[in-house]
């Protein structure tokens, strides 16, 4: 009888613990989502920002740096995907074809690859920033801002190249992917800029 009572008590305690854990998890997730929503208001494309960062809500919690890293990760992933798509349009050979359209696609591929590299460098660099308000922090933040801005310029250059020299089918296919990359990169830059220590 005593064993049954003990077993029942243990089951009840475990149930209470599970319920408490389950009820606190959404609260933490809600706070993180609210923080992401608030952070995204500073971006040019807030709805896209919120959608793209929604899966990062638990890890970033209420960290501006965490939100910036998540935004850079989204941007780098989309840039890689767009670069792979453009590479397939080149037949996997950056030098294939001699038409204006082939040249435009080749130029776009090169700039998108540069964009991916710069975004990867930015993610690594943001991890080296150290404490805010230190000289080290400002130096690394400046590097991140420079590289993300350059990545955004690369994406714009790609779009300009295909807009001026590619046919409507190729232009529309590439533009569809690269425009979204440029939008999430713009958002990432806005979130990186928010890391600047206030005086």
Protein backbone atom coordinates (compact mmCIF):
# COMPACT_ATOMS: atom_id res chain seq x y z
CA UNK A 1 0.00 0.00 0.00
CA UNK A 2 2.78 2.41 0.94
CA UNK A 3 4.55 1.59 -2.32
CA UNK A 4 1.43 2.41 -4.30
CA UNK A 5 1.04 5.74 -2.51
CA UNK A 6 4.71 6.54 -3.09
CA UNK A 7 4.39 5.65 -6.75
CA UNK A 8 1.30 7.84 -7.06
CA UNK A 9 3.08 10.78 -5.42
CA UNK A 10 6.03 10.41 -7.80
CA UNK A 11 3.70 10.36 -10.80
CA UNK A 12 1.93 13.51 -9.58
CA UNK A 13 5.23 15.33 -8.97
CA UNK A 14 6.47 14.37 -12.42
CA UNK A 15 3.21 15.53 -14.00
CA UNK A 16 3.39 18.89 -12.25
CA UNK A 17 7.02 19.35 -13.34
CA UNK A 18 6.17 18.53 -16.95
CA UNK A 19 3.22 20.92 -16.98
CA UNK A 20 5.31 23.70 -15.47
CA UNK A 21 8.02 23.17 -18.05
CA UNK A 22 5.51 23.11 -20.88
CA UNK A 23 3.82 26.30 -19.70
CA UNK A 24 7.10 28.22 -19.29
CA UNK A 25 8.47 27.23 -22.72
CA UNK A 26 5.82 29.15 -24.68
CA UNK A 27 6.33 32.14 -22.38
CA UNK A 28 10.05 32.19 -23.19
CA UNK A 29 9.29 31.70 -26.89
CA UNK A 30 6.72 34.50 -26.78
CA UNK A 31 9.21 36.91 -25.19
CA UNK A 32 11.84 35.99 -27.80
CA UNK A 33 9.31 36.42 -30.63
CA UNK A 34 8.25 39.80 -29.24
CA UNK A 35 11.91 40.86 -29.10
CA UNK A 36 12.47 39.78 -32.70
CA UNK A 37 9.32 41.65 -33.76
CA UNK A 38 10.54 44.76 -31.97
CA UNK A 39 14.03 44.45 -33.48
CA UNK A 40 12.62 43.99 -36.98
CA UNK A 41 10.82 47.32 -36.78
CA UNK A 42 14.21 48.96 -37.39
CA UNK A 43 14.57 47.19 -40.75
CA UNK A 44 13.35 48.14 -44.22
CA UNK A 45 11.38 44.91 -44.63
CA UNK A 46 10.00 44.17 -41.14
CA UNK A 47 7.52 41.45 -42.15
CA UNK A 48 10.18 39.53 -44.08
CA UNK A 49 12.58 40.05 -41.18
CA UNK A 50 10.14 38.60 -38.68
CA UNK A 51 9.27 35.62 -40.89
CA UNK A 52 12.88 34.78 -41.67
CA UNK A 53 13.98 34.99 -38.02
CA UNK A 54 10.97 33.24 -36.47
CA UNK A 55 12.75 29.88 -36.29
CA UNK A 56 15.62 31.52 -34.40
CA UNK A 57 13.40 32.86 -31.59
CA UNK A 58 14.47 30.49 -28.76
CA UNK A 59 18.25 30.75 -29.38
CA UNK A 60 18.43 34.54 -29.76
CA UNK A 61 16.23 35.23 -26.70
CA UNK A 62 16.63 38.99 -26.04
CA UNK A 63 20.11 39.48 -27.49
CA UNK A 64 20.59 42.17 -30.17
CA UNK A 65 23.82 40.47 -31.18
CA UNK A 66 22.04 37.12 -31.40
CA UNK A 67 19.38 38.64 -33.67
CA UNK A 68 22.07 40.18 -35.89
CA UNK A 69 23.92 36.85 -36.19
CA UNK A 70 20.65 35.08 -37.02
CA UNK A 71 19.88 37.68 -39.70
CA UNK A 72 23.36 37.30 -41.20
CA UNK A 73 22.94 33.51 -41.20
CA UNK A 74 19.64 33.82 -43.07
CA UNK A 75 21.25 36.19 -45.57
CA UNK A 76 24.26 33.92 -46.13
CA UNK A 77 22.04 30.85 -46.60
CA UNK A 78 19.82 32.60 -49.14
CA UNK A 79 22.84 34.04 -50.94
CA UNK A 80 24.36 30.53 -51.21
CA UNK A 81 21.08 29.19 -52.59
CA UNK A 82 20.80 32.02 -55.14
CA UNK A 83 24.45 31.58 -56.15
CA UNK A 84 23.88 27.86 -56.71
CA UNK A 85 20.82 28.65 -58.84
CA UNK A 86 22.77 31.13 -60.99
CA UNK A 87 25.58 28.57 -61.31
CA UNK A 88 23.10 26.03 -62.66
CA UNK A 89 21.94 28.60 -65.21
CA UNK A 90 25.56 28.83 -66.32
CA UNK A 91 25.60 25.06 -66.73
CA UNK A 92 28.01 24.91 -63.79
CA UNK A 93 30.65 26.59 -65.95
CA UNK A 94 31.18 30.28 -65.19
CA UNK A 95 32.88 30.85 -68.59
CA UNK A 96 30.31 29.09 -70.79
CA UNK A 97 28.67 31.05 -73.62
CA UNK A 98 29.66 34.30 -75.34
CA UNK A 99 26.34 36.07 -75.65
CA UNK A 100 25.50 39.22 -73.68
CA UNK A 101 23.07 37.18 -71.61
CA UNK A 102 25.71 34.55 -70.80
CA UNK A 103 28.12 37.32 -69.84
CA UNK A 104 25.52 38.89 -67.58
CA UNK A 105 24.81 35.59 -65.85
CA UNK A 106 28.55 35.00 -65.45
CA UNK A 107 29.00 38.45 -63.90
CA UNK A 108 26.04 37.83 -61.61
CA UNK A 109 27.51 34.51 -60.48
CA UNK A 110 30.86 36.11 -59.64
CA UNK A 111 29.27 38.90 -57.63
CA UNK A 112 26.96 36.50 -55.79
CA UNK A 113 29.92 34.32 -54.85
CA UNK A 114 31.67 37.40 -53.52
CA UNK A 115 28.51 38.22 -51.59
CA UNK A 116 28.46 34.78 -49.96
CA UNK A 117 32.12 35.11 -48.95
CA UNK A 118 31.57 38.52 -47.40
CA UNK A 119 28.54 37.37 -45.43
CA UNK A 120 30.49 34.36 -44.12
CA UNK A 121 33.33 36.66 -43.06
CA UNK A 122 30.80 38.89 -41.32
CA UNK A 123 29.38 36.01 -39.28
CA UNK A 124 32.87 34.98 -38.16
CA UNK A 125 33.85 38.58 -37.43
CA UNK A 126 30.81 39.27 -35.27
CA UNK A 127 31.94 36.39 -33.06
CA UNK A 128 35.23 38.22 -32.41
CA UNK A 129 33.70 41.51 -31.30
CA UNK A 130 34.16 41.07 -27.56
CA UNK A 131 32.48 43.33 -24.99
CA UNK A 132 30.55 46.37 -26.18
CA UNK A 133 32.21 49.80 -25.91
CA UNK A 134 35.69 48.30 -26.23
CA UNK A 135 38.07 49.28 -29.05
CA UNK A 136 38.02 45.68 -30.18
CA UNK A 137 34.22 45.72 -30.42
CA UNK A 138 34.13 48.87 -32.54
CA UNK A 139 36.86 47.61 -34.87
CA UNK A 140 35.15 44.29 -35.57
CA UNK A 141 31.72 45.92 -35.86
CA UNK A 142 33.12 48.31 -38.48
CA UNK A 143 34.46 45.32 -40.44
CA UNK A 144 31.07 43.60 -40.31
CA UNK A 145 29.28 46.75 -41.47
CA UNK A 146 31.74 47.15 -44.36
CA UNK A 147 31.40 43.53 -45.52
CA UNK A 148 27.61 43.40 -45.28
CA UNK A 149 27.37 46.69 -47.20
CA UNK A 150 29.70 45.24 -49.85
CA UNK A 151 27.59 42.07 -50.03
CA UNK A 152 24.53 44.22 -50.62
CA UNK A 153 26.38 46.07 -53.40
CA UNK A 154 27.33 42.72 -54.98
CA UNK A 155 23.68 41.68 -55.05
CA UNK A 156 22.66 45.01 -56.60
CA UNK A 157 25.41 44.63 -59.22
CA UNK A 158 24.10 41.18 -60.12
CA UNK A 159 20.59 42.54 -60.57
CA UNK A 160 21.84 45.46 -62.70
CA UNK A 161 23.83 43.12 -64.93
CA UNK A 162 20.95 40.77 -65.72
CA UNK A 163 18.43 43.63 -65.98
CA UNK A 164 20.49 45.30 -68.69
CA UNK A 165 21.76 42.29 -70.63
CA UNK A 166 19.63 39.18 -70.03
CA UNK A 167 16.39 38.15 -71.70
CA UNK A 168 13.07 38.33 -69.85
CA UNK A 169 12.98 34.66 -68.81
CA UNK A 170 16.50 34.58 -67.36
CA UNK A 171 16.11 38.05 -65.88
CA UNK A 172 12.87 37.14 -64.08
CA UNK A 173 14.25 33.82 -62.77
CA UNK A 174 17.39 35.37 -61.31
CA UNK A 175 15.68 38.52 -60.07
CA UNK A 176 13.12 36.51 -58.11
CA UNK A 177 15.88 34.93 -56.02
CA UNK A 178 18.38 37.76 -55.76
CA UNK A 179 15.84 40.41 -54.76
CA UNK A 180 14.92 38.39 -51.67
CA UNK A 181 18.61 37.95 -50.86
CA UNK A 182 19.08 41.72 -51.12
CA UNK A 183 16.08 42.33 -48.86
CA UNK A 184 17.26 40.00 -46.08
CA UNK A 185 20.77 41.41 -46.40
CA UNK A 186 19.39 44.93 -46.03
CA UNK A 187 17.57 43.76 -42.91
CA UNK A 188 20.74 42.13 -41.56
CA UNK A 189 22.69 45.35 -42.06
CA UNK A 190 20.04 47.34 -40.19
CA UNK A 191 20.23 44.88 -37.27
CA UNK A 192 24.05 44.99 -37.30
CA UNK A 193 23.93 48.80 -37.24
CA UNK A 194 21.83 48.63 -34.06
CA UNK A 195 24.81 47.07 -32.28
CA UNK A 196 26.66 50.40 -32.38
CA UNK A 197 27.21 51.45 -28.75
CA UNK A 198 25.24 54.53 -27.79
CA UNK A 199 27.22 57.46 -26.47
